[in-house]
Amino acid sequence: MTQSLAKQISEQLRDAIMSGELKADDRLPTEDELAARYQVSRPTIREALKRLAAQNLIRSRRGPTGGTFVNRPSLEDASQSLTASATLLASMDQFSLTEIADARHELERTCVRLAALNPDKSVLKQLQQELEQQQSESLSDEEFCASDVRFHRALVDACQNSMLQFLMYAVIEAMQPVTNMVVYRFRDRVDVVAVHQRLYQAIEQSDASAAESALDELMVYLKARFRAAQDWKASQS
């Protein structure tokens, strides 16, 4: 019963924060005051506050000026929360591989176009470093997949659009490792690196059309690998 009440109270407080009724840096009432307001025990209030803290919506501070305050979330904090939720949903098969690939394709296509329109030298250097690492024959499958994630994260960074970055970080950090685990046996590194190289060159040369075409080619290839992986899995059952 305590858990259920704590959940209800945390949701009400969360709604107040999201609606702006409780603003960033506002001080929440004390535990005693909240317990009296909701007519519950202090342990129930503590549990409700723990739920909000786990979502990074509030913070506690000790001392004479201490208390519990509404957080001022950063883009990184919000992105991490979205990534955690996306990872959980992906692990529970709430998204199909096709849905993940289609969403990634559409969003990342816009990212590479924007990146090519205004290439960033520091990002180009990072892309080049990842390409050099991916070409190493001694690289393990796990290391190649990690480099693949970093390469596409850099592509998103290069678009210089905070909203796209916020959405794509969840796709890349949560979804791409999942899809990599599925298709790594069915893809050829040489093919992937070749397309990565074309993506890099297109952005370096400020050729947005070529960057989009290279990404299209990569996603067609990966979707075919997804189907091969699914067919293999079906044949084993």
Foldseek 3Di string as FASTA:
>chain_A
DLLVLLCVVLVVVVVCDVVCVADFFRFDDALVVVCVVSVHDSVSPVSNVVVCVVLVQWDWDDDPPTGIGGHDDDLVSLLVSLLVVLLVCVVVVVDDPVRLLVVLLVLLLLLLLLLLQPPDPVLLVLLVVLLVVLPDPPQDLVRNLVSVLVNSLSSNVSSVDSVSNSVVSSSSVRPSVVLSVQQVVPDDSVVVSVLSVQLSVSSVNSNSVSNSVSSVVVSVRSVVSNVVSVVVVVVVD
